[in-house]
Amino acid sequence: GFYTPTAFGTELAAGKEVKVFDGVGHVLERAIRADWAFIRARTAD
């Protein structure tokens, strides 16, 4: 996970851990992993 100031003080931060770094509020966001990734590319070998 990582801390970001984005969403601090908004409804999107509800229930998440928050900390203050250098006077700026940050929200802890958890990493995302998935079972599958479906992507589109131009070329492949």
All heavy atoms as atom14 arrays in JSON, in Angstrom:
{
  "sequence": "GFYTPTAFGTELAAGKEVKVFDGVGHVLERAIRADWAFIRARTAD",
  "atom14_mask": [
    [1, 1, 1, 1, 0, 0, 0, 0, 0, 0, 0, 0, 0, 0],
    [1, 1, 1, 1, 1, 1, 1, 1, 1, 1, 1, 0, 0, 0],
    [1, 1, 1, 1, 1, 1, 1, 1, 1, 1, 1, 1, 0, 0],
    [1, 1, 1, 1, 1, 1, 1, 0, 0, 0, 0, 0, 0, 0],
    [1, 1, 1, 1, 1, 1, 1, 0, 0, 0, 0, 0, 0, 0],
    [1, 1, 1, 1, 1, 1, 1, 0, 0, 0, 0, 0, 0, 0],
    [1, 1, 1, 1, 1, 0, 0, 0, 0, 0, 0, 0, 0, 0],
    [1, 1, 1, 1, 1, 1, 1, 1, 1, 1, 1, 0, 0, 0],
    [1, 1, 1, 1, 0, 0, 0, 0, 0, 0, 0, 0, 0, 0],
    [1, 1, 1, 1, 1, 1, 1, 0, 0, 0, 0, 0, 0, 0],
    [1, 1, 1, 1, 1, 1, 1, 1, 1, 0, 0, 0, 0, 0],
    [1, 1, 1, 1, 1, 1, 1, 1, 0, 0, 0, 0, 0, 0],
    [1, 1, 1, 1, 1, 0, 0, 0, 0, 0, 0, 0, 0, 0],
    [1, 1, 1, 1, 1, 0, 0, 0, 0, 0, 0, 0, 0, 0],
    [1, 1, 1, 1, 0, 0, 0, 0, 0, 0, 0, 0, 0, 0],
    [1, 1, 1, 1, 1, 1, 1, 1, 1, 0, 0, 0, 0, 0],
    [1, 1, 1, 1, 1, 1, 1, 1, 1, 0, 0, 0, 0, 0],
    [1, 1, 1, 1, 1, 1, 1, 0, 0, 0, 0, 0, 0, 0],
    [1, 1, 1, 1, 1, 1, 1, 1, 1, 0, 0, 0, 0, 0],
    [1, 1, 1, 1, 1, 1, 1, 0, 0, 0, 0, 0, 0, 0],
    [1, 1, 1, 1, 1, 1, 1, 1, 1, 1, 1, 0, 0, 0],
    [1, 1, 1, 1, 1, 1, 1, 1, 0, 0, 0, 0, 0, 0],
    [1, 1, 1, 1, 0, 0, 0, 0, 0, 0, 0, 0, 0, 0],
    [1, 1, 1, 1, 1, 1, 1, 0, 0, 0, 0, 0, 0, 0],
    [1, 1, 1, 1, 0, 0, 0, 0, 0, 0, 0, 0, 0, 0],
    [1, 1, 1, 1, 1, 1, 1, 1, 1, 1, 0, 0, 0, 0],
    [1, 1, 1, 1, 1, 1, 1, 0, 0, 0, 0, 0, 0, 0],
    [1, 1, 1, 1, 1, 1, 1, 1, 0, 0, 0, 0, 0, 0],
    [1, 1, 1, 1, 1, 1, 1, 1, 1, 0, 0, 0, 0, 0],
    [1, 1, 1, 1, 1, 1, 1, 1, 1, 1, 1, 0, 0, 0],
    [1, 1, 1, 1, 1, 0, 0, 0, 0, 0, 0, 0, 0, 0],
    [1, 1, 1, 1, 1, 1, 1, 1, 0, 0, 0, 0, 0, 0],
    [1, 1, 1, 1, 1, 1, 1, 1, 1, 1, 1, 0, 0, 0],
    [1, 1, 1, 1, 1, 0, 0, 0, 0, 0, 0, 0, 0, 0],
    [1, 1, 1, 1, 1, 1, 1, 1, 0, 0, 0, 0, 0, 0],
    [1, 1, 1, 1, 1, 1, 1, 1, 1, 1, 1, 1, 1, 1],
    [1, 1, 1, 1, 1, 0, 0, 0, 0, 0, 0, 0, 0, 0],
    [1, 1, 1, 1, 1, 1, 1, 1, 1, 1, 1, 0, 0, 0],
    [1, 1, 1, 1, 1, 1, 1, 1, 0, 0, 0, 0, 0, 0],
    [1, 1, 1, 1, 1, 1, 1, 1, 1, 1, 1, 0, 0, 0],
    [1, 1, 1, 1, 1, 0, 0, 0, 0, 0, 0, 0, 0, 0],
    [1, 1, 1, 1, 1, 1, 1, 1, 1, 1, 1, 0, 0, 0],
    [1, 1, 1, 1, 1, 1, 1, 0, 0, 0, 0, 0, 0, 0],
    [1, 1, 1, 1, 1, 0, 0, 0, 0, 0, 0, 0, 0, 0],
    [1, 1, 1, 1, 1, 1, 1, 1, 0, 0, 0, 0, 0, 0]
  ],
  "atom14_positions": [
    [[0.83, -1.2, 0.0], [0.0, 0.0, 0.0], [0.86, 1.24, 0.0], [2.1, 1.17, 0.04], [0.0, 0.0, 0.0], [0.0, 0.0, 0.0], [0.0, 0.0, 0.0], [0.0, 0.0, 0.0], [0.0, 0.0, 0.0], [0.0, 0.0, 0.0], [0.0, 0.0, 0.0], [0.0, 0.0, 0.0], [0.0, 0.0, 0.0], [0.0, 0.0, 0.0]],
    [[0.23, 2.41, -0.04], [0.97, 3.67, -0.06], [0.06, 4.78, 0.45], [-1.16, 4.66, 0.45], [1.44, 4.0, -1.49], [0.31, 4.09, -2.49], [-0.3, 5.3, -2.78], [-0.14, 2.96, -3.14], [-1.34, 5.39, -3.67], [-1.2, 3.03, -4.05], [-1.8, 4.24, -4.31], [0.0, 0.0, 0.0], [0.0, 0.0, 0.0], [0.0, 0.0, 0.0]],
    [[0.68, 5.86, 0.88], [-0.08, 7.03, 1.34], [-0.12, 8.08, 0.23], [0.89, 8.35, -0.44], [0.58, 7.65, 2.58], [0.38, 6.83, 3.83], [1.35, 5.95, 4.27], [-0.8, 6.94, 4.58], [1.17, 5.2, 5.42], [-0.98, 6.2, 5.72], [0.0, 5.33, 6.14], [-0.19, 4.59, 7.29], [0.0, 0.0, 0.0], [0.0, 0.0, 0.0]],
    [[-1.29, 8.68, 0.03], [-1.45, 9.73, -0.96], [-2.38, 10.81, -0.4], [-3.34, 10.5, 0.31], [-2.03, 9.18, -2.27], [-2.33, 10.27, -3.16], [-3.31, 8.39, -2.05], [0.0, 0.0, 0.0], [0.0, 0.0, 0.0], [0.0, 0.0, 0.0], [0.0, 0.0, 0.0], [0.0, 0.0, 0.0], [0.0, 0.0, 0.0], [0.0, 0.0, 0.0]],
    [[-2.14, 12.08, -0.73], [-3.05, 13.13, -0.26], [-4.36, 13.16, -1.03], [-5.33, 13.76, -0.56], [-2.25, 14.42, -0.5], [-1.31, 14.09, -1.6], [-0.94, 12.65, -1.39], [0.0, 0.0, 0.0], [0.0, 0.0, 0.0], [0.0, 0.0, 0.0], [0.0, 0.0, 0.0], [0.0, 0.0, 0.0], [0.0, 0.0, 0.0], [0.0, 0.0, 0.0]],
    [[-4.4, 12.5, -2.18], [-5.64, 12.46, -2.96], [-6.76, 11.82, -2.13], [-6.57, 10.77, -1.54], [-5.44, 11.66, -4.26], [-4.33, 12.21, -4.97], [-6.68, 11.72, -5.13], [0.0, 0.0, 0.0], [0.0, 0.0, 0.0], [0.0, 0.0, 0.0], [0.0, 0.0, 0.0], [0.0, 0.0, 0.0], [0.0, 0.0, 0.0], [0.0, 0.0, 0.0]],
    [[-7.9, 12.45, -2.1], [-9.11, 11.98, -1.4], [-9.1, 12.27, 0.09], [-10.1, 12.01, 0.77], [-9.36, 10.5, -1.64], [0.0, 0.0, 0.0], [0.0, 0.0, 0.0], [0.0, 0.0, 0.0], [0.0, 0.0, 0.0], [0.0, 0.0, 0.0], [0.0, 0.0, 0.0], [0.0, 0.0, 0.0], [0.0, 0.0, 0.0], [0.0, 0.0, 0.0]],
    [[-8.01, 12.82, 0.62], [-8.01, 13.16, 2.05], [-9.11, 14.19, 2.33], [-9.28, 15.17, 1.62], [-6.66, 13.74, 2.47], [-6.58, 14.11, 3.92], [-6.36, 13.14, 4.88], [-6.78, 15.42, 4.33], [-6.3, 13.46, 6.23], [-6.71, 15.76, 5.67], [-6.48, 14.78, 6.63], [0.0, 0.0, 0.0], [0.0, 0.0, 0.0], [0.0, 0.0, 0.0]],
    [[-9.88, 13.94, 3.39], [-10.95, 14.85, 3.76], [-12.22, 14.72, 2.96], [-13.13, 15.53, 3.11], [0.0, 0.0, 0.0], [0.0, 0.0, 0.0], [0.0, 0.0, 0.0], [0.0, 0.0, 0.0], [0.0, 0.0, 0.0], [0.0, 0.0, 0.0], [0.0, 0.0, 0.0], [0.0, 0.0, 0.0], [0.0, 0.0, 0.0], [0.0, 0.0, 0.0]],
    [[-12.3, 13.69, 2.11], [-13.5, 13.47, 1.3], [-14.17, 12.17, 1.7], [-13.62, 11.38, 2.49], [-13.16, 13.42, -0.2], [-12.51, 12.16, -0.49], [-12.26, 14.57, -0.61], [0.0, 0.0, 0.0], [0.0, 0.0, 0.0], [0.0, 0.0, 0.0], [0.0, 0.0, 0.0], [0.0, 0.0, 0.0], [0.0, 0.0, 0.0], [0.0, 0.0, 0.0]],
    [[-15.34, 11.91, 1.13], [-16.05, 10.66, 1.42], [-15.25, 9.44, 0.97], [-15.43, 8.34, 1.51], [-17.4, 10.67, 0.72], [-18.38, 11.7, 1.27], [-19.73, 11.63, 0.59], [-19.99, 10.64, -0.12], [-20.52, 12.58, 0.77], [0.0, 0.0, 0.0], [0.0, 0.0, 0.0], [0.0, 0.0, 0.0], [0.0, 0.0, 0.0], [0.0, 0.0, 0.0]],
    [[-14.36, 9.61, -0.01], [-13.59, 8.47, -0.5], [-12.55, 7.99, 0.51], [-12.0, 6.9, 0.37], [-12.89, 8.83, -1.81], [-13.79, 9.17, -2.99], [-12.97, 9.43, -4.24], [-14.8, 8.04, -3.25], [0.0, 0.0, 0.0], [0.0, 0.0, 0.0], [0.0, 0.0, 0.0], [0.0, 0.0, 0.0], [0.0, 0.0, 0.0], [0.0, 0.0, 0.0]],
    [[-12.29, 8.8, 1.53], [-11.34, 8.4, 2.57], [-12.02, 7.71, 3.75], [-11.33, 7.27, 4.68], [-10.58, 9.63, 3.07], [0.0, 0.0, 0.0], [0.0, 0.0, 0.0], [0.0, 0.0, 0.0], [0.0, 0.0, 0.0], [0.0, 0.0, 0.0], [0.0, 0.0, 0.0], [0.0, 0.0, 0.0], [0.0, 0.0, 0.0], [0.0, 0.0, 0.0]],
    [[-13.32, 7.61, 3.72], [-14.06, 7.03, 4.85], [-13.59, 5.6, 5.14], [-13.5, 4.76, 4.24], [-15.56, 7.04, 4.54], [0.0, 0.0, 0.0], [0.0, 0.0, 0.0], [0.0, 0.0, 0.0], [0.0, 0.0, 0.0], [0.0, 0.0, 0.0], [0.0, 0.0, 0.0], [0.0, 0.0, 0.0], [0.0, 0.0, 0.0], [0.0, 0.0, 0.0]],
    [[-13.29, 5.35, 6.39], [-12.9, 4.02, 6.82], [-11.46, 3.65, 6.54], [-11.02, 2.53, 6.86], [0.0, 0.0, 0.0], [0.0, 0.0, 0.0], [0.0, 0.0, 0.0], [0.0, 0.0, 0.0], [0.0, 0.0, 0.0], [0.0, 0.0, 0.0], [0.0, 0.0, 0.0], [0.0, 0.0, 0.0], [0.0, 0.0, 0.0], [0.0, 0.0, 0.0]],
    [[-10.67, 4.56, 5.96], [-9.29, 4.28, 5.63], [-8.36, 4.95, 6.64], [-8.7, 5.98, 7.24], [-8.96, 4.76, 4.22], [-9.76, 4.07, 3.13], [-9.42, 4.61, 1.75], [-10.26, 3.92, 0.68], [-9.98, 4.48, -0.66], [0.0, 0.0, 0.0], [0.0, 0.0, 0.0], [0.0, 0.0, 0.0], [0.0, 0.0, 0.0], [0.0, 0.0, 0.0]],
    [[-7.19, 4.38, 6.82], [-6.2, 4.96, 7.72], [-5.67, 6.28, 7.14], [-5.41, 6.35, 5.92], [-5.05, 3.99, 7.92], [-3.98, 4.5, 8.88], [-2.84, 3.51, 9.05], [-3.08, 2.3, 8.89], [-1.72, 3.97, 9.34], [0.0, 0.0, 0.0], [0.0, 0.0, 0.0], [0.0, 0.0, 0.0], [0.0, 0.0, 0.0], [0.0, 0.0, 0.0]],
    [[-5.53, 7.29, 7.97], [-4.98, 8.56, 7.5], [-3.8, 8.96, 8.4], [-3.75, 8.64, 9.58], [-6.05, 9.68, 7.5], [-7.17, 9.36, 6.53], [-6.62, 9.9, 8.9], [0.0, 0.0, 0.0], [0.0, 0.0, 0.0], [0.0, 0.0, 0.0], [0.0, 0.0, 0.0], [0.0, 0.0, 0.0], [0.0, 0.0, 0.0], [0.0, 0.0, 0.0]],
    [[-2.84, 9.65, 7.8], [-1.69, 10.18, 8.52], [-1.35, 11.55, 7.96], [-1.75, 11.89, 6.84], [-0.47, 9.26, 8.38], [-0.54, 7.98, 9.21], [0.74, 7.2, 9.12], [0.68, 5.92, 9.95], [0.54, 6.19, 11.38], [0.0, 0.0, 0.0], [0.0, 0.0, 0.0], [0.0, 0.0, 0.0], [0.0, 0.0, 0.0], [0.0, 0.0, 0.0]],
    [[-0.62, 12.31, 8.74], [-0.18, 13.63, 8.3], [1.33, 13.6, 8.11], [2.08, 13.23, 9.02], [-0.57, 14.71, 9.32], [-0.02, 16.07, 8.9], [-2.09, 14.78, 9.47], [0.0, 0.0, 0.0], [0.0, 0.0, 0.0], [0.0, 0.0, 0.0], [0.0, 0.0, 0.0], [0.0, 0.0, 0.0], [0.0, 0.0, 0.0], [0.0, 0.0, 0.0]],
    [[1.79, 13.97, 6.92], [3.2, 14.06, 6.59], [3.53, 15.49, 6.2], [2.92, 16.02, 5.26], [3.58, 13.11, 5.45], [3.37, 11.65, 5.76], [2.2, 11.01, 5.35], [4.33, 10.92, 6.44], [2.01, 9.66, 5.62], [4.13, 9.57, 6.72], [2.97, 8.95, 6.31], [0.0, 0.0, 0.0], [0.0, 0.0, 0.0], [0.0, 0.0, 0.0]],
    [[4.46, 16.1, 6.91], [4.86, 17.49, 6.61], [3.66, 18.43, 6.57], [3.58, 19.32, 5.72], [5.62, 17.56, 5.29], [6.9, 16.73, 5.31], [7.56, 16.71, 6.38], [7.24, 16.12, 4.29], [0.0, 0.0, 0.0], [0.0, 0.0, 0.0], [0.0, 0.0, 0.0], [0.0, 0.0, 0.0], [0.0, 0.0, 0.0], [0.0, 0.0, 0.0]],
    [[2.72, 18.19, 7.47], [1.56, 19.06, 7.56], [0.46, 18.78, 6.55], [-0.55, 19.5, 6.53], [0.0, 0.0, 0.0], [0.0, 0.0, 0.0], [0.0, 0.0, 0.0], [0.0, 0.0, 0.0], [0.0, 0.0, 0.0], [0.0, 0.0, 0.0], [0.0, 0.0, 0.0], [0.0, 0.0, 0.0], [0.0, 0.0, 0.0], [0.0, 0.0, 0.0]],
    [[0.62, 17.75, 5.74], [-0.37, 17.42, 4.71], [-1.02, 16.08, 5.03], [-0.31, 15.08, 5.27], [0.27, 17.38, 3.31], [-0.77, 17.0, 2.26], [0.91, 18.71, 2.97], [0.0, 0.0, 0.0], [0.0, 0.0, 0.0], [0.0, 0.0, 0.0], [0.0, 0.0, 0.0], [0.0, 0.0, 0.0], [0.0, 0.0, 0.0], [0.0, 0.0, 0.0]],
    [[-2.36, 16.03, 5.03], [-3.06, 14.79, 5.29], [-2.95, 13.8, 4.13], [-3.03, 14.19, 2.97], [0.0, 0.0, 0.0], [0.0, 0.0, 0.0], [0.0, 0.0, 0.0], [0.0, 0.0, 0.0], [0.0, 0.0, 0.0], [0.0, 0.0, 0.0], [0.0, 0.0, 0.0], [0.0, 0.0, 0.0], [0.0, 0.0, 0.0], [0.0, 0.0, 0.0]],
    [[-2.74, 12.53, 4.47], [-2.62, 11.47, 3.47], [-3.54, 10.31, 3.83], [-3.82, 10.06, 5.01], [-1.19, 10.95, 3.4], [-0.22, 11.87, 2.74], [0.13, 13.1, 3.28], [0.48, 11.74, 1.58], [1.02, 13.68, 2.48], [1.24, 12.87, 1.44], [0.0, 0.0, 0.0], [0.0, 0.0, 0.0], [0.0, 0.0, 0.0], [0.0, 0.0, 0.0]],
    [[-3.96, 9.59, 2.83], [-4.83, 8.42, 2.97], [-4.05, 7.17, 2.58], [-3.34, 7.17, 1.56], [-6.08, 8.55, 2.07], [-6.99, 7.33, 2.23], [-6.83, 9.83, 2.39], [0.0, 0.0, 0.0], [0.0, 0.0, 0.0], [0.0, 0.0, 0.0], [0.0, 0.0, 0.0], [0.0, 0.0, 0.0], [0.0, 0.0, 0.0], [0.0, 0.0, 0.0]],
    [[-4.18, 6.11, 3.37], [-3.55, 4.84, 3.02], [-4.41, 4.12, 1.99], [-5.58, 3.84, 2.23], [-3.39, 3.96, 4.26], [-2.81, 2.55, 4.0], [-1.39, 2.64, 3.45], [-2.85, 1.72, 5.29], [0.0, 0.0, 0.0], [0.0, 0.0, 0.0], [0.0, 0.0, 0.0], [0.0, 0.0, 0.0], [0.0, 0.0, 0.0], [0.0, 0.0, 0.0]],
    [[-3.83, 3.83, 0.83], [-4.51, 3.09, -0.22], [-3.83, 1.74, -0.4], [-2.61, 1.65, -0.47], [-4.46, 3.87, -1.55], [-5.15, 5.22, -1.52], [-6.67, 5.1, -1.55], [-7.19, 3.97, -1.66], [-7.33, 6.15, -1.48], [0.0, 0.0, 0.0], [0.0, 0.0, 0.0], [0.0, 0.0, 0.0], [0.0, 0.0, 0.0], [0.0, 0.0, 0.0]],
    [[-4.64, 0.68, -0.46], [-4.1, -0.67, -0.59], [-3.86, -1.03, -2.05], [-4.59, -0.61, -2.95], [-5.08, -1.67, 0.03], [-5.36, -1.43, 1.51], [-4.11, -1.62, 2.35], [-3.56, -2.96, 2.23], [-3.92, -4.0, 2.99], [-4.82, -3.83, 3.95], [-3.37, -5.17, 2.82], [0.0, 0.0, 0.0], [0.0, 0.0, 0.0], [0.0, 0.0, 0.0]],
    [[-2.83, -1.84, -2.27], [-2.49, -2.29, -3.61], [-3.6, -3.18, -4.18], [-4.39, -3.77, -3.44], [-1.17, -3.05, -3.59], [0.0, 0.0, 0.0], [0.0, 0.0, 0.0], [0.0, 0.0, 0.0], [0.0, 0.0, 0.0], [0.0, 0.0, 0.0], [0.0, 0.0, 0.0], [0.0, 0.0, 0.0], [0.0, 0.0, 0.0], [0.0, 0.0, 0.0]],
    [[-3.65, -3.24, -5.49], [-4.61, -4.1, -6.19], [-3.87, -5.19, -6.94], [-2.93, -4.93, -7.69], [-5.45, -3.29, -7.2], [-6.43, -2.38, -6.46], [-6.2, -4.22, -8.16], [-7.22, -1.47, -7.38], [0.0, 0.0, 0.0], [0.0, 0.0, 0.0], [0.0, 0.0, 0.0], [0.0, 0.0, 0.0], [0.0, 0.0, 0.0], [0.0, 0.0, 0.0]],
    [[-4.3, -6.43, -6.73], [-3.89, -7.55, -7.57], [-5.15, -8.29, -7.99], [-6.18, -8.21, -7.32], [-2.94, -8.49, -6.83], [-1.52, -7.94, -6.68], [-0.52, -9.02, -6.32], [-0.46, -10.1, -7.3], [0.25, -10.04, -8.43], [0.95, -8.97, -8.72], [0.27, -11.08, -9.25], [0.0, 0.0, 0.0], [0.0, 0.0, 0.0], [0.0, 0.0, 0.0]],
    [[-5.07, -8.97, -9.11], [-6.26, -9.61, -9.67], [-5.94, -11.03, -10.13], [-4.77, -11.42, -10.27], [-6.79, -8.79, -10.83], [0.0, 0.0, 0.0], [0.0, 0.0, 0.0], [0.0, 0.0, 0.0], [0.0, 0.0, 0.0], [0.0, 0.0, 0.0], [0.0, 0.0, 0.0], [0.0, 0.0, 0.0], [0.0, 0.0, 0.0], [0.0, 0.0, 0.0]],
    [[-6.99, -11.78, -10.38], [-6.83, -13.12, -10.95], [-6.4, -13.03, -12.41], [-5.57, -13.81, -12.88], [-8.15, -13.9, -10.85], [-8.64, -14.03, -9.43], [-7.86, -14.49, -8.58], [-9.79, -13.65, -9.17], [0.0, 0.0, 0.0], [0.0, 0.0, 0.0], [0.0, 0.0, 0.0], [0.0, 0.0, 0.0], [0.0, 0.0, 0.0], [0.0, 0.0, 0.0]],
    [[-7.0, -12.07, -13.12], [-6.78, -11.93, -14.56], [-6.53, -10.48, -14.94], [-7.05, -9.58, -14.28], [-8.01, -12.41, -15.34], [-8.36, -13.84, -15.13], [-9.1, -14.38, -14.11], [-7.98, -14.94, -15.96], [-9.21, -15.73, -14.25], [-8.54, -16.11, -15.38], [-7.24, -15.06, -17.14], [-8.36, -17.37, -15.94], [-7.07, -16.31, -17.7], [-7.62, -17.46, -17.11]],
    [[-5.77, -10.29, -16.01], [-5.69, -8.98, -16.67], [-5.99, -9.19, -18.14], [-5.37, -10.03, -18.8], [-4.3, -8.36, -16.5], [0.0, 0.0, 0.0], [0.0, 0.0, 0.0], [0.0, 0.0, 0.0], [0.0, 0.0, 0.0], [0.0, 0.0, 0.0], [0.0, 0.0, 0.0], [0.0, 0.0, 0.0], [0.0, 0.0, 0.0], [0.0, 0.0, 0.0]],
    [[-6.97, -8.46, -18.63], [-7.29, -8.44, -20.06], [-6.8, -7.11, -20.61], [-7.29, -6.05, -20.2], [-8.8, -8.56, -20.3], [-9.39, -9.9, -19.99], [-10.76, -10.11, -20.12], [-8.62, -10.97, -19.56], [-11.33, -11.34, -19.85], [-9.19, -12.2, -19.27], [-10.54, -12.39, -19.42], [0.0, 0.0, 0.0], [0.0, 0.0, 0.0], [0.0, 0.0, 0.0]],
    [[-5.83, -7.16, -21.52], [-5.28, -5.93, -22.05], [-5.24, -5.99, -23.58], [-5.39, -7.07, -24.16], [-3.85, -5.66, -21.5], [-2.87, -6.74, -21.96], [-3.87, -5.57, -19.97], [-1.43, -6.47, -21.56], [0.0, 0.0, 0.0], [0.0, 0.0, 0.0], [0.0, 0.0, 0.0], [0.0, 0.0, 0.0], [0.0, 0.0, 0.0], [0.0, 0.0, 0.0]],
    [[-5.05, -4.83, -24.2], [-4.95, -4.77, -25.67], [-3.66, -4.08, -26.05], [-3.33, -3.02, -25.51], [-6.14, -4.01, -26.27], [-6.13, -4.02, -27.79], [-7.42, -3.41, -28.34], [-7.46, -3.52, -29.79], [-7.07, -2.56, -30.63], [-6.62, -1.41, -30.15], [-7.14, -2.75, -31.94], [0.0, 0.0, 0.0], [0.0, 0.0, 0.0], [0.0, 0.0, 0.0]],
    [[-2.92, -4.7, -26.99], [-1.65, -4.16, -27.44], [-1.65, -4.04, -28.97], [-2.54, -4.57, -29.64], [-0.5, -5.04, -26.98], [0.0, 0.0, 0.0], [0.0, 0.0, 0.0], [0.0, 0.0, 0.0], [0.0, 0.0, 0.0], [0.0, 0.0, 0.0], [0.0, 0.0, 0.0], [0.0, 0.0, 0.0], [0.0, 0.0, 0.0], [0.0, 0.0, 0.0]],
    [[-0.64, -3.38, -29.48], [-0.53, -3.2, -30.94], [0.13, -4.41, -31.59], [-0.41, -4.99, -32.51], [0.27, -1.92, -31.25], [0.48, -1.68, -32.76], [-0.83, -1.34, -33.44], [-0.68, -1.18, -34.89], [-0.79, -2.16, -35.78], [-1.04, -3.39, -35.36], [-0.66, -1.94, -37.05], [0.0, 0.0, 0.0], [0.0, 0.0, 0.0], [0.0, 0.0, 0.0]],
    [[1.31, -4.78, -31.11], [2.03, -5.91, -31.69], [2.53, -6.85, -30.6], [2.74, -6.45, -29.45], [3.25, -5.44, -32.52], [4.16, -4.74, -31.66], [2.83, -4.53, -33.66], [0.0, 0.0, 0.0], [0.0, 0.0, 0.0], [0.0, 0.0, 0.0], [0.0, 0.0, 0.0], [0.0, 0.0, 0.0], [0.0, 0.0, 0.0], [0.0, 0.0, 0.0]],
    [[2.71, -8.11, -31.0], [3.27, -9.11, -30.09], [4.02, -10.16, -30.89], [3.6, -10.52, -32.0], [2.16, -9.79, -29.29], [0.0, 0.0, 0.0], [0.0, 0.0, 0.0], [0.0, 0.0, 0.0], [0.0, 0.0, 0.0], [0.0, 0.0, 0.0], [0.0, 0.0, 0.0], [0.0, 0.0, 0.0], [0.0, 0.0, 0.0], [0.0, 0.0, 0.0]],
    [[5.13, -10.64, -30.35], [5.75, -11.83, -30.92], [5.21, -13.04, -30.16], [4.43, -12.9, -29.21], [7.28, -11.74, -30.85], [7.83, -11.54, -29.44], [7.2, -12.02, -28.48], [8.9, -10.9, -29.3], [0.0, 0.0, 0.0], [0.0, 0.0, 0.0], [0.0, 0.0, 0.0], [0.0, 0.0, 0.0], [0.0, 0.0, 0.0], [0.0, 0.0, 0.0]]
  ]
}
